[in-house]
């Protein structure tokens, strides 16, 4: 049975999807994975990604957000994270 550690939860304001990030560690060892769970009403999408993919995805998200109005971070981002 893998050990799962919750990292953060987000709620998308438009659409209401719930995004949960968790660290997934297998008892046998090996690399930790980032589990991403997206809930849309009764439908779930779950996938596990390695650290290199997580870094590339995170950098792409930050790059995009930085080009958008209000995408610089701040108190509104914390409120969205904490739902």
PDB file of N, CA and C in Angstrom:
ATOM      1  N   UNK A   1       0.853  -1.181   0.000  1.00  0.00           N
ATOM      2  CA  UNK A   1       0.000   0.000   0.000  1.00  0.00           C
ATOM      3  C   UNK A   1       0.892   1.236   0.000  1.00  0.00           C
ATOM      4  N   UNK A   2       0.721   2.143  -0.944  1.00  0.00           N
ATOM      5  CA  UNK A   2       1.539   3.358  -0.976  1.00  0.00           C
ATOM      6  C   UNK A   2       1.145   4.324   0.148  1.00  0.00           C
ATOM      7  N   UNK A   3       2.103   5.137   0.552  1.00  0.00           N
ATOM      8  CA  UNK A   3       1.848   6.192   1.535  1.00  0.00           C
ATOM      9  C   UNK A   3       1.517   7.453   0.750  1.00  0.00           C
ATOM     10  N   UNK A   4       0.424   8.112   1.107  1.00  0.00           N
ATOM     11  CA  UNK A   4      -0.030   9.311   0.404  1.00  0.00           C
ATOM     12  C   UNK A   4      -0.045  10.477   1.376  1.00  0.00           C
ATOM     13  N   UNK A   5       0.662  11.544   1.011  1.00  0.00           N
ATOM     14  CA  UNK A   5       0.737  12.751   1.838  1.00  0.00           C
ATOM     15  C   UNK A   5       0.055  13.895   1.108  1.00  0.00           C
ATOM     16  N   UNK A   6      -1.016  14.452   1.662  1.00  0.00           N
ATOM     17  CA  UNK A   6      -1.673  15.596   1.022  1.00  0.00           C
ATOM     18  C   UNK A   6      -0.732  16.795   0.961  1.00  0.00           C
ATOM     19  N   UNK A   7      -0.744  17.514  -0.162  1.00  0.00           N
ATOM     20  CA  UNK A   7       0.089  18.704  -0.334  1.00  0.00           C
ATOM     21  C   UNK A   7      -0.752  19.973  -0.389  1.00  0.00           C
ATOM     22  N   UNK A   8      -1.733  20.003  -1.267  1.00  0.00           N
ATOM     23  CA  UNK A   8      -2.589  21.190  -1.383  1.00  0.00           C
ATOM     24  C   UNK A   8      -3.876  20.830  -2.110  1.00  0.00           C
ATOM     25  N   UNK A   9      -4.875  21.676  -1.914  1.00  0.00           N
ATOM     26  CA  UNK A   9      -6.158  21.560  -2.622  1.00  0.00           C
ATOM     27  C   UNK A   9      -6.495  22.916  -3.206  1.00  0.00           C
ATOM     28  N   UNK A  10      -7.056  22.887  -4.399  1.00  0.00           N
ATOM     29  CA  UNK A  10      -7.480  24.119  -5.070  1.00  0.00           C
ATOM     30  C   UNK A  10      -8.882  23.917  -5.612  1.00  0.00           C
ATOM     31  N   UNK A  11      -9.613  24.997  -5.724  1.00  0.00           N
ATOM     32  CA  UNK A  11     -10.916  24.970  -6.384  1.00  0.00           C
ATOM     33  C   UNK A  11     -10.865  25.978  -7.515  1.00  0.00           C
ATOM     34  N   UNK A  12     -11.223  25.521  -8.703  1.00  0.00           N
ATOM     35  CA  UNK A  12     -11.237  26.395  -9.874  1.00  0.00           C
ATOM     36  C   UNK A  12     -12.509  27.243  -9.800  1.00  0.00           C
ATOM     37  N   UNK A  13     -12.384  28.581  -9.773  1.00  0.00           N
ATOM     38  CA  UNK A  13     -13.568  29.423  -9.617  1.00  0.00           C
ATOM     39  C   UNK A  13     -14.563  29.277 -10.769  1.00  0.00           C
ATOM     40  N   UNK A  14     -14.077  29.141 -11.990  1.00  0.00           N
ATOM     41  CA  UNK A  14     -14.974  28.952 -13.137  1.00  0.00           C
ATOM     42  C   UNK A  14     -15.015  27.471 -13.452  1.00  0.00           C
ATOM     43  N   UNK A  15     -16.123  26.840 -13.210  1.00  0.00           N
ATOM     44  CA  UNK A  15     -16.250  25.418 -13.475  1.00  0.00           C
ATOM     45  C   UNK A  15     -16.329  24.581 -12.214  1.00  0.00           C
ATOM     46  N   UNK A  16     -15.746  25.070 -11.110  1.00  0.00           N
ATOM     47  CA  UNK A  16     -15.869  24.403  -9.830  1.00  0.00           C
ATOM     48  C   UNK A  16     -15.065  23.120  -9.662  1.00  0.00           C
ATOM     49  N   UNK A  17     -14.134  22.842 -10.568  1.00  0.00           N
ATOM     50  CA  UNK A  17     -13.329  21.634 -10.404  1.00  0.00           C
ATOM     51  C   UNK A  17     -12.499  21.730  -9.134  1.00  0.00           C
ATOM     52  N   UNK A  18     -12.266  20.571  -8.522  1.00  0.00           N
ATOM     53  CA  UNK A  18     -11.396  20.488  -7.352  1.00  0.00           C
ATOM     54  C   UNK A  18     -10.109  19.802  -7.776  1.00  0.00           C
ATOM     55  N   UNK A  19      -8.977  20.418  -7.454  1.00  0.00           N
ATOM     56  CA  UNK A  19      -7.669  19.859  -7.791  1.00  0.00           C
ATOM     57  C   UNK A  19      -6.956  19.557  -6.482  1.00  0.00           C
ATOM     58  N   UNK A  20      -6.489  18.332  -6.342  1.00  0.00           N
ATOM     59  CA  UNK A  20      -5.759  17.937  -5.145  1.00  0.00           C
ATOM     60  C   UNK A  20      -4.402  17.388  -5.560  1.00  0.00           C
ATOM     61  N   UNK A  21      -3.350  17.876  -4.901  1.00  0.00           N
ATOM     62  CA  UNK A  21      -2.003  17.383  -5.145  1.00  0.00           C
ATOM     63  C   UNK A  21      -1.553  16.589  -3.922  1.00  0.00           C
ATOM     64  N   UNK A  22      -0.966  15.420  -4.177  1.00  0.00           N
ATOM     65  CA  UNK A  22      -0.504  14.539  -3.107  1.00  0.00           C
ATOM     66  C   UNK A  22       0.855  13.972  -3.473  1.00  0.00           C
ATOM     67  N   UNK A  23       1.679  13.710  -2.456  1.00  0.00           N
ATOM     68  CA  UNK A  23       2.929  12.992  -2.688  1.00  0.00           C
ATOM     69  C   UNK A  23       2.661  11.515  -2.476  1.00  0.00           C
ATOM     70  N   UNK A  24       3.109  10.713  -3.421  1.00  0.00           N
ATOM     71  CA  UNK A  24       2.875   9.277  -3.404  1.00  0.00           C
ATOM     72  C   UNK A  24       4.211   8.563  -3.232  1.00  0.00           C
ATOM     73  N   UNK A  25       4.350   7.814  -2.142  1.00  0.00           N
ATOM     74  CA  UNK A  25       5.567   7.053  -1.862  1.00  0.00           C
ATOM     75  C   UNK A  25       5.193   5.575  -1.727  1.00  0.00           C
ATOM     76  N   UNK A  26       5.846   4.727  -2.500  1.00  0.00           N
ATOM     77  CA  UNK A  26       5.603   3.288  -2.415  1.00  0.00           C
ATOM     78  C   UNK A  26       6.438   2.697  -1.299  1.00  0.00           C
ATOM     79  N   UNK A  27       5.907   1.700  -0.616  1.00  0.00           N
ATOM     80  CA  UNK A  27       6.609   1.058   0.493  1.00  0.00           C
ATOM     81  C   UNK A  27       7.948   0.476   0.063  1.00  0.00           C
ATOM     82  N   UNK A  28       8.026  -0.010  -1.159  1.00  0.00           N
ATOM     83  CA  UNK A  28       9.255  -0.634  -1.651  1.00  0.00           C
ATOM     84  C   UNK A  28      10.349   0.382  -1.954  1.00  0.00           C
ATOM     85  N   UNK A  29      10.020   1.664  -1.896  1.00  0.00           N
ATOM     86  CA  UNK A  29      11.005   2.702  -2.177  1.00  0.00           C
ATOM     87  C   UNK A  29      10.896   3.198  -3.606  1.00  0.00           C
ATOM     88  N   UNK A  30      11.969   3.808  -4.071  1.00  0.00           N
ATOM     89  CA  UNK A  30      11.958   4.405  -5.403  1.00  0.00           C
ATOM     90  C   UNK A  30      11.623   5.875  -5.300  1.00  0.00           C
ATOM     91  N   UNK A  31      11.438   6.513  -6.448  1.00  0.00           N
ATOM     92  CA  UNK A  31      11.178   7.948  -6.446  1.00  0.00           C
ATOM     93  C   UNK A  31       9.754   8.253  -6.000  1.00  0.00           C
ATOM     94  N   UNK A  32       9.603   9.399  -5.370  1.00  0.00           N
ATOM     95  CA  UNK A  32       8.276   9.889  -5.024  1.00  0.00           C
ATOM     96  C   UNK A  32       7.606  10.398  -6.295  1.00  0.00           C
ATOM     97  N   UNK A  33       6.305  10.282  -6.336  1.00  0.00           N
ATOM     98  CA  UNK A  33       5.532  10.776  -7.468  1.00  0.00           C
ATOM     99  C   UNK A  33       4.553  11.831  -6.973  1.00  0.00           C
ATOM    100  N   UNK A  34       4.176  12.717  -7.864  1.00  0.00           N
ATOM    101  CA  UNK A  34       3.155  13.712  -7.569  1.00  0.00           C
ATOM    102  C   UNK A  34       1.841  13.207  -8.141  1.00  0.00           C
ATOM    103  N   UNK A  35       0.899  12.940  -7.260  1.00  0.00           N
ATOM    104  CA  UNK A  35      -0.437  12.510  -7.712  1.00  0.00           C
ATOM    105  C   UNK A  35      -1.307  13.745  -7.853  1.00  0.00           C
ATOM    106  N   UNK A  36      -1.920  13.865  -9.011  1.00  0.00           N
ATOM    107  CA  UNK A  36      -2.835  14.958  -9.302  1.00  0.00           C
ATOM    108  C   UNK A  36      -4.223  14.363  -9.468  1.00  0.00           C
ATOM    109  N   UNK A  37      -5.162  14.819  -8.630  1.00  0.00           N
ATOM    110  CA  UNK A  37      -6.551  14.349  -8.699  1.00  0.00           C
ATOM    111  C   UNK A  37      -7.424  15.540  -9.060  1.00  0.00           C
ATOM    112  N   UNK A  38      -8.146  15.420 -10.158  1.00  0.00           N
ATOM    113  CA  UNK A  38      -9.056  16.476 -10.582  1.00  0.00           C
ATOM    114  C   UNK A  38     -10.469  15.904 -10.539  1.00  0.00           C
ATOM    115  N   UNK A  39     -11.330  16.581  -9.779  1.00  0.00           N
ATOM    116  CA  UNK A  39     -12.725  16.138  -9.663  1.00  0.00           C
ATOM    117  C   UNK A  39     -13.613  17.142 -10.375  1.00  0.00           C
ATOM    118  N   UNK A  40     -14.415  16.613 -11.296  1.00  0.00           N
ATOM    119  CA  UNK A  40     -15.425  17.409 -12.000  1.00  0.00           C
ATOM    120  C   UNK A  40     -16.762  16.739 -11.745  1.00  0.00           C
ATOM    121  N   UNK A  41     -17.519  17.292 -10.795  1.00  0.00           N
ATOM    122  CA  UNK A  41     -18.782  16.696 -10.356  1.00  0.00           C
ATOM    123  C   UNK A  41     -18.516  15.271  -9.891  1.00  0.00           C
ATOM    124  N   UNK A  42     -19.017  14.243 -10.564  1.00  0.00           N
ATOM    125  CA  UNK A  42     -18.803  12.865 -10.114  1.00  0.00           C
ATOM    126  C   UNK A  42     -17.657  12.174 -10.853  1.00  0.00           C
ATOM    127  N   UNK A  43     -17.004  12.883 -11.752  1.00  0.00           N
ATOM    128  CA  UNK A  43     -15.915  12.294 -12.553  1.00  0.00           C
ATOM    129  C   UNK A  43     -14.559  12.670 -11.969  1.00  0.00           C
ATOM    130  N   UNK A  44     -13.663  11.704 -11.881  1.00  0.00           N
ATOM    131  CA  UNK A  44     -12.308  11.933 -11.379  1.00  0.00           C
ATOM    132  C   UNK A  44     -11.294  11.638 -12.469  1.00  0.00           C
ATOM    133  N   UNK A  45     -10.262  12.450 -12.537  1.00  0.00           N
ATOM    134  CA  UNK A  45      -9.086  12.181 -13.352  1.00  0.00           C
ATOM    135  C   UNK A  45      -7.915  12.138 -12.386  1.00  0.00           C
ATOM    136  N   UNK A  46      -7.160  11.045 -12.407  1.00  0.00           N
ATOM    137  CA  UNK A  46      -6.028  10.874 -11.496  1.00  0.00           C
ATOM    138  C   UNK A  46      -4.823  10.449 -12.316  1.00  0.00           C
ATOM    139  N   UNK A  47      -3.702  11.140 -12.105  1.00  0.00           N
ATOM    140  CA  UNK A  47      -2.473  10.697 -12.744  1.00  0.00           C
ATOM    141  C   UNK A  47      -1.285  11.016 -11.853  1.00  0.00           C
ATOM    142  N   UNK A  48      -0.251  10.215 -11.980  1.00  0.00           N
ATOM    143  CA  UNK A  48       0.963  10.332 -11.184  1.00  0.00           C
ATOM    144  C   UNK A  48       2.105  10.737 -12.106  1.00  0.00           C
ATOM    145  N   UNK A  49       2.874  11.748 -11.685  1.00  0.00           N
ATOM    146  CA  UNK A  49       3.971  12.214 -12.528  1.00  0.00           C
ATOM    147  C   UNK A  49       5.273  12.243 -11.734  1.00  0.00           C
ATOM    148  N   UNK A  50       6.364  12.113 -12.456  1.00  0.00           N
ATOM    149  CA  UNK A  50       7.701  12.106 -11.879  1.00  0.00           C
ATOM    150  C   UNK A  50       8.160  13.543 -11.618  1.00  0.00           C
ATOM    151  N   UNK A  51       9.227  13.719 -10.811  1.00  0.00           N
ATOM    152  CA  UNK A  51       9.697  15.065 -10.475  1.00  0.00           C
ATOM    153  C   UNK A  51      10.071  15.925 -11.687  1.00  0.00           C
ATOM    154  N   UNK A  52      10.724  15.359 -12.695  1.00  0.00           N
ATOM    155  CA  UNK A  52      11.124  16.153 -13.866  1.00  0.00           C
ATOM    156  C   UNK A  52       9.906  16.674 -14.620  1.00  0.00           C
ATOM    157  N   UNK A  53       8.885  15.846 -14.771  1.00  0.00           N
ATOM    158  CA  UNK A  53       7.663  16.275 -15.443  1.00  0.00           C
ATOM    159  C   UNK A  53       6.935  17.324 -14.607  1.00  0.00           C
ATOM    160  N   UNK A  54       6.914  17.127 -13.286  1.00  0.00           N
ATOM    161  CA  UNK A  54       6.264  18.104 -12.403  1.00  0.00           C
ATOM    162  C   UNK A  54       6.942  19.466 -12.519  1.00  0.00           C
ATOM    163  N   UNK A  55       8.273  19.477 -12.564  1.00  0.00           N
ATOM    164  CA  UNK A  55       9.012  20.739 -12.686  1.00  0.00           C
ATOM    165  C   UNK A  55       8.687  21.426 -14.012  1.00  0.00           C
ATOM    166  N   UNK A  56       8.722  20.678 -15.108  1.00  0.00           N
ATOM    167  CA  UNK A  56       8.443  21.257 -16.429  1.00  0.00           C
ATOM    168  C   UNK A  56       7.017  21.797 -16.497  1.00  0.00           C
ATOM    169  N   UNK A  57       6.067  21.042 -15.951  1.00  0.00           N
ATOM    170  CA  UNK A  57       4.668  21.460 -15.953  1.00  0.00           C
ATOM    171  C   UNK A  57       4.506  22.720 -15.092  1.00  0.00           C
ATOM    172  N   UNK A  58       5.116  22.723 -13.900  1.00  0.00           N
ATOM    173  CA  UNK A  58       5.034  23.882 -13.019  1.00  0.00           C
ATOM    174  C   UNK A  58       5.621  25.123 -13.651  1.00  0.00           C
ATOM    175  N   UNK A  59       6.771  24.982 -14.304  1.00  0.00           N
ATOM    176  CA  UNK A  59       7.396  26.124 -14.968  1.00  0.00           C
ATOM    177  C   UNK A  59       6.521  26.652 -16.096  1.00  0.00           C
ATOM    178  N   UNK A  60       5.892  25.745 -16.835  1.00  0.00           N
ATOM    179  CA  UNK A  60       4.992  26.178 -17.915  1.00  0.00           C
ATOM    180  C   UNK A  60       3.782  26.915 -17.346  1.00  0.00           C
ATOM    181  N   UNK A  61       3.224  26.432 -16.239  1.00  0.00           N
ATOM    182  CA  UNK A  61       2.089  27.108 -15.610  1.00  0.00           C
ATOM    183  C   UNK A  61       2.487  28.501 -15.111  1.00  0.00           C
ATOM    184  N   UNK A  62       3.649  28.594 -14.456  1.00  0.00           N
ATOM    185  CA  UNK A  62       4.112  29.885 -13.963  1.00  0.00           C
ATOM    186  C   UNK A  62       4.389  30.864 -15.101  1.00  0.00           C
ATOM    187  N   UNK A  63       4.989  30.371 -16.176  1.00  0.00           N
ATOM    188  CA  UNK A  63       5.272  31.236 -17.320  1.00  0.00           C
ATOM    189  C   UNK A  63       3.978  31.790 -17.907  1.00  0.00           C
ATOM    190  N   UNK A  64       2.982  30.936 -18.056  1.00  0.00           N
ATOM    191  CA  UNK A  64       1.703  31.390 -18.595  1.00  0.00           C
ATOM    192  C   UNK A  64       1.037  32.378 -17.644  1.00  0.00           C
ATOM    193  N   UNK A  65       0.984  32.046 -16.348  1.00  0.00           N
ATOM    194  CA  UNK A  65       0.324  32.915 -15.371  1.00  0.00           C
ATOM    195  C   UNK A  65       1.000  34.280 -15.317  1.00  0.00           C
ATOM    196  N   UNK A  66       2.316  34.306 -15.483  1.00  0.00           N
ATOM    197  CA  UNK A  66       3.042  35.568 -15.458  1.00  0.00           C
ATOM    198  C   UNK A  66       2.702  36.494 -16.602  1.00  0.00           C
ATOM    199  N   UNK A  67       2.128  35.972 -17.682  1.00  0.00           N
ATOM    200  CA  UNK A  67       1.751  36.807 -18.825  1.00  0.00           C
ATOM    201  C   UNK A  67       0.310  37.307 -18.727  1.00  0.00           C
ATOM    202  N   UNK A  68      -0.411  36.858 -17.702  1.00  0.00           N
ATOM    203  CA  UNK A  68      -1.831  37.198 -17.572  1.00  0.00           C
ATOM    204  C   UNK A  68      -2.024  38.330 -16.561  1.00  0.00           C
ATOM    205  N   UNK A  69      -3.040  39.172 -16.774  1.00  0.00           N
ATOM    206  CA  UNK A  69      -3.338  40.207 -15.780  1.00  0.00           C
ATOM    207  C   UNK A  69      -3.616  39.551 -14.426  1.00  0.00           C
ATOM    208  N   UNK A  70      -2.986  40.050 -13.390  1.00  0.00           N
ATOM    209  CA  UNK A  70      -3.190  39.498 -12.052  1.00  0.00           C
ATOM    210  C   UNK A  70      -2.452  38.195 -11.812  1.00  0.00           C
ATOM    211  N   UNK A  71      -1.601  37.773 -12.732  1.00  0.00           N
ATOM    212  CA  UNK A  71      -0.904  36.504 -12.604  1.00  0.00           C
ATOM    213  C   UNK A  71       0.418  36.588 -11.879  1.00  0.00           C
ATOM    214  N   UNK A  72       0.599  37.624 -11.070  1.00  0.00           N
ATOM    215  CA  UNK A  72       1.867  37.836 -10.382  1.00  0.00           C
ATOM    216  C   UNK A  72       1.905  37.237  -8.992  1.00  0.00           C
ATOM    217  N   UNK A  73       0.828  36.613  -8.512  1.00  0.00           N
ATOM    218  CA  UNK A  73       0.793  36.054  -7.153  1.00  0.00           C
ATOM    219  C   UNK A  73       0.136  37.048  -6.211  1.00  0.00           C
ATOM    220  N   UNK A  74       0.116  36.700  -4.943  1.00  0.00           N
ATOM    221  CA  UNK A  74      -0.446  37.611  -3.942  1.00  0.00           C
ATOM    222  C   UNK A  74      -1.532  36.947  -3.123  1.00  0.00           C
ATOM    223  N   UNK A  75      -2.280  37.765  -2.357  1.00  0.00           N
ATOM    224  CA  UNK A  75      -3.262  37.257  -1.408  1.00  0.00           C
ATOM    225  C   UNK A  75      -4.406  36.511  -2.076  1.00  0.00           C
ATOM    226  N   UNK A  76      -4.820  36.926  -3.272  1.00  0.00           N
ATOM    227  CA  UNK A  76      -5.909  36.222  -3.947  1.00  0.00           C
ATOM    228  C   UNK A  76      -5.541  34.792  -4.283  1.00  0.00           C
ATOM    229  N   UNK A  77      -4.258  34.539  -4.581  1.00  0.00           N
ATOM    230  CA  UNK A  77      -3.813  33.189  -4.888  1.00  0.00           C
ATOM    231  C   UNK A  77      -3.941  32.300  -3.659  1.00  0.00           C
ATOM    232  N   UNK A  78      -3.621  32.800  -2.482  1.00  0.00           N
ATOM    233  CA  UNK A  78      -3.723  32.016  -1.257  1.00  0.00           C
ATOM    234  C   UNK A  78      -5.176  31.669  -0.977  1.00  0.00           C
ATOM    235  N   UNK A  79      -6.091  32.608  -1.221  1.00  0.00           N
ATOM    236  CA  UNK A  79      -7.509  32.332  -0.998  1.00  0.00           C
ATOM    237  C   UNK A  79      -8.011  31.247  -1.928  1.00  0.00           C
ATOM    238  N   UNK A  80      -7.560  31.265  -3.185  1.00  0.00           N
ATOM    239  CA  UNK A  80      -7.979  30.240  -4.139  1.00  0.00           C
ATOM    240  C   UNK A  80      -7.446  28.879  -3.723  1.00  0.00           C
ATOM    241  N   UNK A  81      -6.216  28.831  -3.194  1.00  0.00           N
ATOM    242  CA  UNK A  81      -5.615  27.567  -2.767  1.00  0.00           C
ATOM    243  C   UNK A  81      -6.365  26.976  -1.589  1.00  0.00           C
ATOM    244  N   UNK A  82      -6.709  27.822  -0.632  1.00  0.00           N
ATOM    245  CA  UNK A  82      -7.295  27.329   0.604  1.00  0.00           C
ATOM    246  C   UNK A  82      -8.782  27.070   0.485  1.00  0.00           C
ATOM    247  N   UNK A  83      -9.384  27.510  -0.641  1.00  0.00           N
ATOM    248  CA  UNK A  83     -10.770  27.240  -0.948  1.00  0.00           C
ATOM    249  C   UNK A  83     -11.689  27.648   0.114  1.00  0.00           C
TER     250      UNK A  83
END
